[in-house]
Amino acid sequence: MPNLKKLMETGSWSLKARSVLPSSSAVNWASMLMGAGPTEHGFTEWGSKTPEIPSATTTKYGLFPSIFSVIRDQKNNAKTAVIYSWPGIGPLVEKDAINIVVPGNDNDDFCADTAATIIKKKNLISPLSILTSLTIPGTALDTGLPNITSNFKRLT
C-alpha cells in the first residue's frame, strides 16, 4: 500500500469516477484511451471490434485519436507499449502508432510481468498503468478479496 499511496500523491485518481453510457467494457476502454465518449469515437457495444457509429474523426491509423497517436504525432521517437489481458482491447488501440503491442490472452500475471520488464528495459516515457482486476463486493466481480474502495480510502 505505501507504493500505491505514493503513486496517488503524484498522479491522477478518483473514487468517484463514472463510466460512459452505455457502460460496457469496449465502450469504457475506448473512452479512457481516446479521451472521448461513444458519440465521438463510435464504439457502443461490449465487444466492439469496429465503431458501430461513424467516428467523428479518424487518424492515419484508422481509429479515433487516442493517447497513442497523440504521443506519436507529438514525440515521434517516443517509446510506447500496450500490454493487455482482455482480448477486447486489441481492436481499440492504434497498433501502428505503438512500438510494442503484447496481447496477454486473459493472463493478468503475464501482463504485469511483461509490463514491468518492458518498462525497465525499454525506458518508456511516462509509464501509464491501468490495473483492472478490482473486486466489487456483492457483484459477479467479488472474488473474496478485500474491498478495494475501502483500501483506497485509507490511503487518502
Protein backbone atom coordinates (compact mmCIF):
# COMPACT_ATOMS: atom_id res chain seq x y z
CA MET A 1 0.00 0.00 0.00
CA PRO A 2 2.84 2.53 0.54
CA ASN A 3 3.78 2.40 -3.16
CA LEU A 4 0.16 2.85 -4.21
CA LYS A 5 -0.15 5.83 -1.86
CA LYS A 6 2.97 7.37 -3.41
CA LEU A 7 1.53 6.89 -6.90
CA MET A 8 -1.72 8.53 -5.79
CA GLU A 9 0.16 11.52 -4.35
CA THR A 10 1.93 12.16 -7.65
CA GLY A 11 -0.68 11.04 -10.19
CA SER A 12 -4.35 11.15 -11.03
CA TRP A 13 -7.04 9.02 -9.43
CA SER A 14 -10.64 9.10 -8.35
CA LEU A 15 -13.01 7.18 -6.13
CA LYS A 16 -15.93 8.90 -7.82
CA ALA A 17 -15.22 8.21 -11.48
CA ARG A 18 -18.25 7.50 -13.63
CA SER A 19 -18.43 5.35 -16.70
CA VAL A 20 -19.76 6.44 -20.04
CA LEU A 21 -23.13 5.25 -21.24
CA PRO A 22 -23.75 2.68 -22.43
CA SER A 23 -21.47 1.20 -19.80
CA SER A 24 -19.68 -1.80 -21.21
CA SER A 25 -16.07 -2.88 -21.50
CA ALA A 26 -15.10 -1.84 -25.03
CA VAL A 27 -17.04 1.43 -24.74
CA ASN A 28 -15.35 2.34 -21.44
CA TRP A 29 -11.87 1.31 -22.59
CA ALA A 30 -12.23 3.25 -25.84
CA SER A 31 -13.38 6.30 -23.86
CA MET A 32 -10.41 6.09 -21.47
CA LEU A 33 -7.84 5.56 -24.23
CA MET A 34 -9.35 8.12 -26.59
CA GLY A 35 -10.48 10.76 -24.11
CA ALA A 36 -13.91 10.98 -25.70
CA GLY A 37 -17.34 9.44 -25.38
CA PRO A 38 -19.13 6.96 -27.63
CA THR A 39 -20.74 9.64 -29.79
CA GLU A 40 -17.24 10.81 -30.75
CA HIS A 41 -15.23 7.55 -31.01
CA GLY A 42 -18.14 5.41 -32.22
CA PHE A 43 -17.74 2.30 -30.05
CA THR A 44 -21.10 1.45 -28.43
CA GLU A 45 -21.14 -2.27 -27.62
CA TRP A 46 -19.41 -4.62 -25.15
CA GLY A 47 -17.18 -6.46 -27.60
CA SER A 48 -16.85 -3.79 -30.28
CA LYS A 49 -14.18 -4.59 -32.84
CA THR A 50 -15.03 -1.60 -35.04
CA PRO A 51 -17.05 1.52 -34.26
CA GLU A 52 -20.79 0.87 -34.53
CA ILE A 53 -21.39 4.50 -35.45
CA PRO A 54 -19.01 6.61 -37.57
CA SER A 55 -16.19 8.20 -35.57
CA ALA A 56 -16.22 11.99 -35.55
CA THR A 57 -12.71 11.88 -36.97
CA THR A 58 -10.01 9.29 -37.58
CA THR A 59 -6.24 9.35 -37.61
CA LYS A 60 -3.93 7.97 -40.27
CA TYR A 61 -4.07 4.77 -38.16
CA GLY A 62 -7.78 4.35 -38.93
CA LEU A 63 -9.29 4.98 -35.49
CA PHE A 64 -10.45 7.94 -33.48
CA PRO A 65 -7.35 9.66 -31.97
CA SER A 66 -6.06 8.03 -28.78
CA ILE A 67 -3.28 8.79 -26.35
CA PHE A 68 -1.03 6.66 -28.57
CA SER A 69 -1.49 8.60 -31.81
CA VAL A 70 -1.21 11.89 -29.91
CA ILE A 71 2.11 10.77 -28.41
CA ARG A 72 3.34 9.51 -31.79
CA ASP A 73 2.38 12.77 -33.53
CA GLN A 74 3.97 14.96 -30.86
CA LYS A 75 7.02 12.84 -29.96
CA ASN A 76 7.74 10.63 -32.94
CA ASN A 77 10.73 8.97 -31.23
CA ALA A 78 8.83 8.17 -28.01
CA LYS A 79 8.85 4.53 -26.93
CA THR A 80 5.34 3.26 -26.25
CA ALA A 81 3.87 -0.11 -25.35
CA VAL A 82 0.48 -1.66 -24.75
CA ILE A 83 0.23 -4.89 -22.79
CA TYR A 84 -3.34 -6.04 -22.31
CA SER A 85 -5.08 -9.05 -20.83
CA TRP A 86 -8.63 -8.73 -22.15
CA PRO A 87 -8.60 -9.50 -25.90
CA GLY A 88 -11.27 -6.85 -26.48
CA ILE A 89 -8.67 -4.12 -26.01
CA GLY A 90 -6.78 -5.13 -29.16
CA PRO A 91 -9.23 -3.58 -31.64
CA LEU A 92 -9.32 -0.33 -29.62
CA VAL A 93 -5.64 0.59 -29.94
CA GLU A 94 -3.83 2.11 -32.91
CA LYS A 95 -1.23 -0.63 -33.19
CA ASP A 96 0.76 1.15 -35.90
CA ALA A 97 1.24 4.14 -33.55
CA ILE A 98 2.69 1.92 -30.78
CA ASN A 99 6.18 0.41 -30.64
CA ILE A 100 5.31 -2.69 -28.63
CA VAL A 101 1.89 -4.39 -28.52
CA VAL A 102 1.56 -7.54 -26.41
CA PRO A 103 -1.76 -9.37 -26.12
CA GLY A 104 -1.85 -11.25 -22.81
CA ASN A 105 -4.72 -13.59 -23.66
CA ASP A 106 -6.53 -13.21 -20.31
CA ASN A 107 -3.33 -13.81 -18.31
CA ASP A 108 -3.04 -10.90 -15.86
CA ASP A 109 0.18 -12.18 -14.24
CA PHE A 110 1.86 -12.44 -17.65
CA CYS A 111 0.75 -8.89 -18.46
CA ALA A 112 2.06 -7.47 -15.18
CA ASP A 113 5.42 -9.25 -15.53
CA THR A 114 5.74 -8.24 -19.18
CA ALA A 115 4.88 -4.61 -18.43
CA ALA A 116 7.48 -4.46 -15.64
CA THR A 117 10.15 -5.96 -17.90
CA ILE A 118 9.37 -3.64 -20.80
CA ILE A 119 9.28 -0.52 -18.62
CA LYS A 120 12.69 -1.41 -17.18
CA LYS A 121 14.36 -2.45 -20.44
CA LYS A 122 12.86 0.00 -22.93
CA ASN A 123 12.88 3.21 -20.86
CA LEU A 124 9.31 4.10 -21.79
CA ILE A 125 8.09 7.67 -21.42
CA SER A 126 5.70 8.27 -18.53
CA PRO A 127 4.62 4.71 -17.87
CA LEU A 128 0.83 4.51 -17.66
CA SER A 129 -0.65 1.59 -15.82
CA ILE A 130 -4.30 0.74 -15.59
CA LEU A 131 -4.99 -2.08 -13.17
CA THR A 132 -8.37 -3.60 -13.84
CA SER A 133 -8.64 -6.68 -11.65
CA LEU A 134 -10.69 -4.99 -8.96
CA THR A 135 -13.13 -6.58 -6.56
CA ILE A 136 -16.59 -5.11 -6.29
CA PRO A 137 -18.27 -6.69 -3.23
CA GLY A 138 -21.67 -8.23 -3.85
CA THR A 139 -21.23 -8.45 -7.63
CA ALA A 140 -20.02 -11.06 -10.06
CA LEU A 141 -16.58 -9.47 -9.65
CA ASP A 142 -16.49 -10.29 -5.93
CA THR A 143 -13.70 -12.85 -5.72
CA GLY A 144 -13.35 -12.73 -1.96
CA LEU A 145 -10.57 -10.13 -1.98
CA PRO A 146 -10.70 -7.16 0.40
CA ASN A 147 -12.89 -4.23 -0.58
CA ILE A 148 -10.66 -2.20 -2.89
CA THR A 149 -12.54 1.05 -2.34
CA SER A 150 -12.09 0.96 1.42
CA ASN A 151 -8.39 0.29 0.95
CA PHE A 152 -8.07 3.28 -1.38
CA LYS A 153 -9.95 5.47 1.12
CA ARG A 154 -7.44 4.52 3.82
CA LEU A 155 -4.68 5.97 1.61
CA THR A 156 -6.29 9.38 1.25
